[in-house]
Amino acid sequence: MRKVYMFVTGWCPHCRRALAWMDELMKENPEYSQIEITIIDEEKEPETARKYSYYYVPTYFVDDEKVHEGVPTKEIIRSVFDKALRK
């Protein structure tokens, strides 16, 4: 299983919606709950955020690979989780 890194800001409505979809998906598929997800608020952890190449939030990385940047959908988040489950 691969790690997921999610970059957010506290004021981003798309980030809040993405977090809600993540919770929904974990309830629908308990296997998703096993994924190690690190949520990084770029305003609170700017040093960490600068180590990654992205512009929009939310942004998802699976390990070191950027897999989505910008406005997500529930299906996009599902695909991020599915990618994390594949080795």
C-alpha atoms as a PDB file:
ATOM      1  CA  MET A   1       0.000   0.000   0.000  1.00  0.00           C
ATOM      2  CA  ARG A   2       1.277   3.436  -0.893  1.00  0.00           C
ATOM      3  CA  LYS A   3       1.015   6.659   1.132  1.00  0.00           C
ATOM      4  CA  VAL A   4      -1.265   9.519   0.147  1.00  0.00           C
ATOM      5  CA  TYR A   5      -0.320  13.140   0.753  1.00  0.00           C
ATOM      6  CA  MET A   6      -3.074  15.731   0.491  1.00  0.00           C
ATOM      7  CA  PHE A   7      -2.287  19.438   0.375  1.00  0.00           C
ATOM      8  CA  VAL A   8      -4.990  21.820   1.599  1.00  0.00           C
ATOM      9  CA  THR A   9      -5.634  25.271   3.028  1.00  0.00           C
ATOM     10  CA  GLY A  10      -8.070  26.095   5.803  1.00  0.00           C
ATOM     11  CA  TRP A  11     -10.088  28.511   3.664  1.00  0.00           C
ATOM     12  CA  CYS A  12     -10.514  26.248   0.600  1.00  0.00           C
ATOM     13  CA  PRO A  13     -14.126  25.100   0.025  1.00  0.00           C
ATOM     14  CA  HIS A  14     -12.941  22.404  -2.421  1.00  0.00           C
ATOM     15  CA  CYS A  15     -10.643  21.013   0.268  1.00  0.00           C
ATOM     16  CA  ARG A  16     -13.508  20.793   2.765  1.00  0.00           C
ATOM     17  CA  ARG A  17     -15.679  19.009   0.207  1.00  0.00           C
ATOM     18  CA  ALA A  18     -12.836  16.638  -0.663  1.00  0.00           C
ATOM     19  CA  LEU A  19     -12.384  15.750   3.006  1.00  0.00           C
ATOM     20  CA  ALA A  20     -16.106  14.989   3.292  1.00  0.00           C
ATOM     21  CA  TRP A  21     -15.947  12.748   0.207  1.00  0.00           C
ATOM     22  CA  MET A  22     -12.909  10.990   1.658  1.00  0.00           C
ATOM     23  CA  ASP A  23     -14.941  10.165   4.785  1.00  0.00           C
ATOM     24  CA  GLU A  24     -17.853   8.932   2.654  1.00  0.00           C
ATOM     25  CA  LEU A  25     -15.560   6.729   0.573  1.00  0.00           C
ATOM     26  CA  MET A  26     -13.976   5.209   3.676  1.00  0.00           C
ATOM     27  CA  LYS A  27     -17.431   4.313   4.987  1.00  0.00           C
ATOM     28  CA  GLU A  28     -18.400   2.799   1.620  1.00  0.00           C
ATOM     29  CA  ASN A  29     -15.158   0.826   1.287  1.00  0.00           C
ATOM     30  CA  PRO A  30     -13.453  -0.010   4.616  1.00  0.00           C
ATOM     31  CA  GLU A  31     -10.269  -0.982   2.743  1.00  0.00           C
ATOM     32  CA  TYR A  32      -9.711   2.738   2.040  1.00  0.00           C
ATOM     33  CA  SER A  33      -9.453   3.329   5.801  1.00  0.00           C
ATOM     34  CA  GLN A  34      -6.214   1.330   5.779  1.00  0.00           C
ATOM     35  CA  ILE A  35      -4.478   3.890   3.532  1.00  0.00           C
ATOM     36  CA  GLU A  36      -1.992   6.118   5.322  1.00  0.00           C
ATOM     37  CA  ILE A  37      -3.064   9.672   4.489  1.00  0.00           C
ATOM     38  CA  THR A  38      -1.051  12.720   5.505  1.00  0.00           C
ATOM     39  CA  ILE A  39      -2.950  15.994   5.226  1.00  0.00           C
ATOM     40  CA  ILE A  40      -0.655  19.007   4.933  1.00  0.00           C
ATOM     41  CA  ASP A  41      -2.065  22.508   5.400  1.00  0.00           C
ATOM     42  CA  GLU A  42       0.291  24.597   3.281  1.00  0.00           C
ATOM     43  CA  GLU A  43      -0.276  27.653   5.468  1.00  0.00           C
ATOM     44  CA  LYS A  44       0.678  25.803   8.666  1.00  0.00           C
ATOM     45  CA  GLU A  45       3.468  23.714   7.120  1.00  0.00           C
ATOM     46  CA  PRO A  46       4.970  25.866   4.348  1.00  0.00           C
ATOM     47  CA  GLU A  47       8.395  24.179   4.558  1.00  0.00           C
ATOM     48  CA  THR A  48       6.844  20.791   3.805  1.00  0.00           C
ATOM     49  CA  ALA A  49       4.586  22.179   1.086  1.00  0.00           C
ATOM     50  CA  ARG A  50       7.546  23.772  -0.723  1.00  0.00           C
ATOM     51  CA  LYS A  51       9.091  20.318  -1.204  1.00  0.00           C
ATOM     52  CA  TYR A  52       6.278  19.385  -3.613  1.00  0.00           C
ATOM     53  CA  SER A  53       5.441  20.812  -7.018  1.00  0.00           C
ATOM     54  CA  TYR A  54       1.824  21.990  -7.215  1.00  0.00           C
ATOM     55  CA  TYR A  55      -0.174  25.202  -7.504  1.00  0.00           C
ATOM     56  CA  TYR A  56      -3.831  24.495  -6.650  1.00  0.00           C
ATOM     57  CA  VAL A  57      -5.397  22.830  -3.625  1.00  0.00           C
ATOM     58  CA  PRO A  58      -6.488  20.266  -2.927  1.00  0.00           C
ATOM     59  CA  THR A  59      -3.621  18.315  -4.444  1.00  0.00           C
ATOM     60  CA  TYR A  60      -3.032  14.598  -3.981  1.00  0.00           C
ATOM     61  CA  PHE A  61       0.246  12.724  -4.249  1.00  0.00           C
ATOM     62  CA  VAL A  62       0.549   8.962  -4.031  1.00  0.00           C
ATOM     63  CA  ASP A  63       4.055   8.502  -2.688  1.00  0.00           C
ATOM     64  CA  ASP A  64       5.989  11.056  -4.789  1.00  0.00           C
ATOM     65  CA  GLU A  65       3.674  11.038  -7.806  1.00  0.00           C
ATOM     66  CA  LYS A  66       1.169  13.884  -8.210  1.00  0.00           C
ATOM     67  CA  VAL A  67      -2.123  12.228  -9.177  1.00  0.00           C
ATOM     68  CA  HIS A  68      -4.584  15.123  -8.901  1.00  0.00           C
ATOM     69  CA  GLU A  69      -4.440  18.895  -8.535  1.00  0.00           C
ATOM     70  CA  GLY A  70      -7.370  21.280  -8.226  1.00  0.00           C
ATOM     71  CA  VAL A  71     -11.122  20.844  -7.927  1.00  0.00           C
ATOM     72  CA  PRO A  72     -11.842  17.159  -7.216  1.00  0.00           C
ATOM     73  CA  THR A  73     -14.865  14.932  -7.584  1.00  0.00           C
ATOM     74  CA  LYS A  74     -15.744  11.944  -5.478  1.00  0.00           C
ATOM     75  CA  GLU A  75     -14.706   9.703  -8.391  1.00  0.00           C
ATOM     76  CA  ILE A  76     -11.308  11.385  -8.644  1.00  0.00           C
ATOM     77  CA  ILE A  77     -10.715  10.785  -4.943  1.00  0.00           C
ATOM     78  CA  ARG A  78     -11.789   7.151  -5.368  1.00  0.00           C
ATOM     79  CA  SER A  79      -9.179   6.801  -8.133  1.00  0.00           C
ATOM     80  CA  VAL A  80      -6.520   8.318  -5.836  1.00  0.00           C
ATOM     81  CA  PHE A  81      -7.410   5.756  -3.154  1.00  0.00           C
ATOM     82  CA  ASP A  82      -7.421   2.908  -5.665  1.00  0.00           C
ATOM     83  CA  LYS A  83      -3.980   3.940  -6.899  1.00  0.00           C
ATOM     84  CA  ALA A  84      -2.701   3.950  -3.307  1.00  0.00           C
ATOM     85  CA  LEU A  85      -3.969   0.405  -2.803  1.00  0.00           C
ATOM     86  CA  ARG A  86      -2.000  -0.866  -5.835  1.00  0.00           C
ATOM     87  CA  LYS A  87       1.636  -1.642  -5.247  1.00  0.00           C
END
